[in-house]
Amino acid sequence: MKKQLCFLLLLSCFCKAESLVVATDVWPPYTTEQSNGLYEALFKKVYPNLEVQFVYSDYARTKALLVQGKADLWLGAYKDEEDYAITPHEAMDADFVYAIYLTSRYPNQPPEYQNAPAVWLTDYLYDQYFPQYNLQGYEVNDIVTAFRLLRAEKIRFILSDDSEMLDLMATEGISNEGLTWIRFGVLPLYPAFAETPRSAALIQQWDHTLAQLKSNGELAKLFEEFGLLSEYPF
């Protein structure tokens, strides 16, 4: 009886799924606090044998959770965004970055990008990811400040990805009237992994599975299931 009990206890240890803690901001329908967004579904496909747990906070805090050892990775990172984290080869998505400017100020052609005074939200570091333009950038904590600077003509344009900016504008009641949007660039998005003894294996599984999902069309189908096929970047 004792031997049988010991065997069952040992078996339960092996059967219990190892956990993977994913820190992320909330970006419906990509991520939701109910854990039923596109990215949550993607991670369950990539790591079916792990118990994937999602922790939701603002973007800066998700990075802090990694540093504190409370998360294995955070979502939505740019390539090599922080030197304390590892980004894999395969991107999970991409930000379509737009320049938003006053139509009345530039009615005939977009503003010049080179050496432009521009603004973006804190931690996006667009000046580092678009070094060819030598942007004279300002980081702000909220879009209300960004649009105040734009309308006062202190800057030429606001930089942001389209989906997040539209959501923030709707939340703050900011009208799109009198604004022109133009595609500024595309930045691939990655999970950023903590450097741990198991990170190499996690990244290897991510790269292998993501490459398969892209080549066999399953990743595009997943975007389609969430009504995001028009945003599919690959």
Protein backbone atom coordinates (compact mmCIF):
# COMPACT_ATOMS: atom_id res chain seq x y z
CA MET A 1 0.00 0.00 0.00
CA LYS A 2 2.82 2.38 0.91
CA LYS A 3 4.65 1.57 -2.33
CA GLN A 4 1.46 2.24 -4.32
CA LEU A 5 0.94 5.57 -2.53
CA CYS A 6 4.53 6.62 -3.22
CA PHE A 7 4.11 5.72 -6.88
CA LEU A 8 0.92 7.80 -7.16
CA LEU A 9 2.60 10.78 -5.51
CA LEU A 10 5.56 10.51 -7.88
CA LEU A 11 3.27 10.20 -10.87
CA SER A 12 1.31 13.30 -9.80
CA CYS A 13 4.56 15.29 -9.69
CA PHE A 14 5.40 14.33 -13.28
CA CYS A 15 1.86 14.93 -14.50
CA LYS A 16 1.61 18.41 -13.02
CA ALA A 17 2.25 20.91 -15.80
CA GLU A 18 5.16 23.28 -15.44
CA SER A 19 3.98 26.89 -15.39
CA LEU A 20 4.90 29.73 -17.75
CA VAL A 21 4.12 33.22 -16.46
CA VAL A 22 3.45 35.74 -19.22
CA ALA A 23 3.23 39.45 -18.32
CA THR A 24 1.29 41.63 -20.71
CA ASP A 25 -0.59 44.86 -21.08
CA VAL A 26 -4.28 44.66 -22.00
CA TRP A 27 -4.85 45.25 -25.72
CA PRO A 28 -8.29 43.90 -26.71
CA PRO A 29 -8.78 41.79 -28.76
CA TYR A 30 -5.07 40.86 -28.75
CA THR A 31 -5.04 40.37 -24.98
CA THR A 32 -7.93 40.56 -22.51
CA GLU A 33 -8.20 40.32 -18.76
CA GLN A 34 -10.35 37.22 -19.34
CA SER A 35 -7.33 35.57 -21.05
CA ASN A 36 -9.32 34.95 -24.24
CA GLY A 37 -7.48 37.19 -26.71
CA LEU A 38 -5.42 36.39 -29.79
CA TYR A 39 -2.05 36.33 -28.01
CA GLU A 40 -3.35 34.14 -25.19
CA ALA A 41 -4.63 31.66 -27.77
CA LEU A 42 -1.29 31.76 -29.59
CA PHE A 43 0.71 30.98 -26.46
CA LYS A 44 -1.50 28.02 -25.66
CA LYS A 45 -0.77 26.67 -29.14
CA VAL A 46 2.97 27.17 -28.80
CA TYR A 47 3.24 25.73 -25.29
CA PRO A 48 0.47 23.11 -25.00
CA ASN A 49 2.33 21.16 -22.31
CA LEU A 50 2.82 24.14 -20.02
CA GLU A 51 0.36 25.80 -17.69
CA VAL A 52 0.40 29.28 -19.20
CA GLN A 53 -0.53 31.97 -16.69
CA PHE A 54 -1.13 35.58 -17.74
CA VAL A 55 -0.43 38.58 -15.52
CA TYR A 56 -1.94 41.89 -16.67
CA SER A 57 -0.48 45.32 -16.02
CA ASP A 58 0.66 48.42 -17.89
CA TYR A 59 3.55 47.93 -20.31
CA ALA A 60 6.29 49.40 -18.09
CA ARG A 61 5.15 47.25 -15.17
CA THR A 62 5.24 44.05 -17.28
CA LYS A 63 8.94 44.66 -17.89
CA ALA A 64 9.49 45.29 -14.18
CA LEU A 65 7.86 41.95 -13.35
CA LEU A 66 10.50 40.24 -15.47
CA VAL A 67 13.32 42.04 -13.66
CA GLN A 68 11.79 41.07 -10.30
CA GLY A 69 11.64 37.41 -11.30
CA LYS A 70 7.82 37.36 -11.20
CA ALA A 71 7.35 36.62 -14.91
CA ASP A 72 9.11 34.46 -17.49
CA LEU A 73 8.48 36.90 -20.33
CA TRP A 74 6.56 39.96 -21.38
CA LEU A 75 4.66 40.59 -24.61
CA GLY A 76 4.90 43.27 -27.26
CA ALA A 77 8.63 43.95 -27.11
CA TYR A 78 10.64 45.33 -29.99
CA LYS A 79 13.78 43.48 -31.05
CA ASP A 80 16.47 43.59 -28.32
CA GLU A 81 14.47 46.24 -26.49
CA GLU A 82 16.22 45.62 -23.15
CA ASP A 83 19.64 44.08 -22.54
CA TYR A 84 18.31 42.00 -19.63
CA ALA A 85 15.88 40.06 -21.86
CA ILE A 86 16.16 37.83 -24.92
CA THR A 87 13.98 38.21 -28.00
CA PRO A 88 13.57 35.16 -30.26
CA HIS A 89 14.07 35.02 -34.03
CA GLU A 90 10.38 34.70 -34.91
CA ALA A 91 8.13 37.73 -34.39
CA MET A 92 4.58 37.25 -33.13
CA ASP A 93 3.07 40.36 -34.74
CA ALA A 94 4.07 43.86 -35.81
CA ASP A 95 3.24 47.45 -34.96
CA PHE A 96 2.15 49.53 -37.94
CA VAL A 97 3.56 52.86 -36.84
CA TYR A 98 1.82 55.97 -38.17
CA ALA A 99 2.71 59.63 -38.24
CA ILE A 100 -0.34 61.69 -37.29
CA TYR A 101 -0.24 65.33 -38.32
CA LEU A 102 -2.46 68.39 -38.82
CA THR A 103 -3.96 68.39 -42.29
CA SER A 104 -4.21 72.19 -42.26
CA ARG A 105 -0.49 72.55 -41.57
CA TYR A 106 0.60 70.13 -44.31
CA PRO A 107 -2.28 70.17 -46.83
CA ASN A 108 -0.36 69.08 -49.92
CA GLN A 109 2.29 66.66 -48.71
CA PRO A 110 3.35 64.97 -45.47
CA PRO A 111 5.79 66.69 -43.13
CA GLU A 112 9.48 66.06 -43.53
CA TYR A 113 10.66 63.22 -41.28
CA GLN A 114 14.34 64.17 -41.09
CA ASN A 115 15.25 65.94 -37.82
CA ALA A 116 11.56 66.29 -37.05
CA PRO A 117 10.33 67.33 -33.61
CA ALA A 118 7.89 64.53 -32.82
CA VAL A 119 6.14 63.01 -29.83
CA TRP A 120 5.27 59.49 -28.69
CA LEU A 121 4.18 57.74 -25.53
CA THR A 122 6.75 56.88 -22.87
CA ASP A 123 8.86 53.73 -23.39
CA TYR A 124 8.24 53.40 -27.14
CA LEU A 125 11.74 54.65 -28.05
CA TYR A 126 10.92 55.37 -31.68
CA ASP A 127 14.04 57.50 -32.04
CA GLN A 128 16.11 54.35 -31.42
CA TYR A 129 14.14 52.18 -33.83
CA PHE A 130 14.11 54.75 -36.63
CA PRO A 131 17.64 56.22 -36.29
CA GLN A 132 17.76 57.15 -39.99
CA TYR A 133 15.46 60.13 -39.33
CA ASN A 134 17.37 61.64 -36.37
CA LEU A 135 14.05 62.43 -34.69
CA GLN A 136 13.99 65.18 -32.08
CA GLY A 137 11.58 63.31 -29.88
CA TYR A 138 9.54 64.02 -26.80
CA GLU A 139 8.14 61.25 -24.62
CA VAL A 140 4.80 61.97 -22.94
CA ASN A 141 2.71 59.95 -20.51
CA ASP A 142 -0.65 60.50 -22.16
CA ILE A 143 -2.14 61.32 -25.54
CA VAL A 144 -3.90 64.45 -24.25
CA THR A 145 -0.47 66.03 -23.86
CA ALA A 146 0.60 64.68 -27.25
CA PHE A 147 -2.35 66.31 -29.04
CA ARG A 148 -1.93 69.56 -27.15
CA LEU A 149 1.65 69.76 -28.45
CA LEU A 150 0.49 68.86 -31.96
CA ARG A 151 -2.26 71.50 -32.10
CA ALA A 152 0.12 74.12 -30.70
CA GLU A 153 2.49 73.20 -33.57
CA LYS A 154 5.32 72.45 -31.15
CA ILE A 155 5.86 69.18 -33.04
CA ARG A 156 5.35 68.03 -36.62
CA PHE A 157 3.61 64.77 -35.84
CA ILE A 158 2.68 62.14 -33.27
CA LEU A 159 4.04 58.61 -33.70
CA SER A 160 1.96 55.64 -32.61
CA ASP A 161 0.71 52.28 -33.76
CA ASP A 162 -2.76 52.66 -35.22
CA SER A 163 -4.85 50.30 -33.10
CA GLU A 164 -3.62 51.55 -29.74
CA MET A 165 -3.92 55.21 -30.72
CA LEU A 166 -7.49 54.79 -31.98
CA ASP A 167 -8.48 53.09 -28.71
CA LEU A 168 -6.85 55.84 -26.64
CA MET A 169 -8.48 58.57 -28.71
CA ALA A 170 -11.89 56.96 -28.22
CA THR A 171 -11.29 56.71 -24.47
CA GLU A 172 -10.24 60.38 -24.21
CA GLY A 173 -12.91 61.64 -26.62
CA ILE A 174 -10.35 63.04 -29.07
CA SER A 175 -11.71 63.58 -32.57
CA ASN A 176 -9.91 62.41 -35.70
CA GLU A 177 -11.21 65.44 -37.60
CA GLY A 178 -8.47 67.60 -39.12
CA LEU A 179 -5.85 64.87 -38.80
CA THR A 180 -4.01 62.92 -41.47
CA TRP A 181 -2.43 59.51 -40.84
CA ILE A 182 0.43 58.17 -42.93
CA ARG A 183 2.36 54.91 -42.55
CA PHE A 184 5.72 55.73 -40.99
CA GLY A 185 7.17 52.25 -40.55
CA VAL A 186 6.66 48.69 -39.36
CA LEU A 187 8.22 47.27 -36.19
CA PRO A 188 8.06 43.52 -35.48
CA LEU A 189 6.78 42.54 -32.04
CA TYR A 190 8.21 39.74 -29.91
CA PRO A 191 7.90 38.05 -26.56
CA ALA A 192 10.91 39.03 -24.44
CA PHE A 193 12.21 36.19 -22.25
CA ALA A 194 14.06 36.40 -18.96
CA GLU A 195 17.53 34.89 -19.02
CA THR A 196 16.99 31.71 -17.01
CA PRO A 197 18.19 28.08 -17.21
CA ARG A 198 15.13 27.16 -19.26
CA SER A 199 14.92 30.21 -21.53
CA ALA A 200 16.95 28.58 -24.33
CA ALA A 201 14.49 25.68 -24.53
CA LEU A 202 11.47 28.02 -24.38
CA ILE A 203 12.86 30.18 -27.18
CA GLN A 204 13.74 27.16 -29.31
CA GLN A 205 10.18 25.86 -28.97
CA TRP A 206 8.80 29.32 -29.78
CA ASP A 207 10.89 29.74 -32.94
CA HIS A 208 10.19 26.21 -34.18
CA THR A 209 6.43 26.39 -33.60
CA LEU A 210 5.98 29.96 -34.87
CA ALA A 211 7.80 29.13 -38.09
CA GLN A 212 5.45 26.17 -38.57
CA LEU A 213 2.32 28.21 -37.81
CA LYS A 214 3.35 30.84 -40.33
CA SER A 215 4.27 28.39 -43.10
CA ASN A 216 1.15 26.23 -42.76
CA GLY A 217 -1.24 29.18 -42.53
CA GLU A 218 -2.44 28.46 -39.00
CA LEU A 219 -1.23 31.80 -37.64
CA ALA A 220 -3.14 33.68 -40.35
CA LYS A 221 -6.24 31.60 -39.52
CA LEU A 222 -5.86 32.52 -35.86
CA PHE A 223 -5.78 36.23 -36.75
CA GLU A 224 -8.88 35.65 -38.89
CA GLU A 225 -10.72 33.96 -36.00
CA PHE A 226 -10.29 37.14 -33.98
CA GLY A 227 -11.35 39.41 -36.84
CA LEU A 228 -7.79 40.65 -37.34
CA LEU A 229 -6.82 39.20 -40.71
CA SER A 230 -6.42 42.72 -42.14
CA GLU A 231 -3.76 43.32 -39.44
CA TYR A 232 -1.80 40.14 -40.24
CA PRO A 233 1.76 41.33 -40.89
CA PHE A 234 3.46 38.23 -42.32
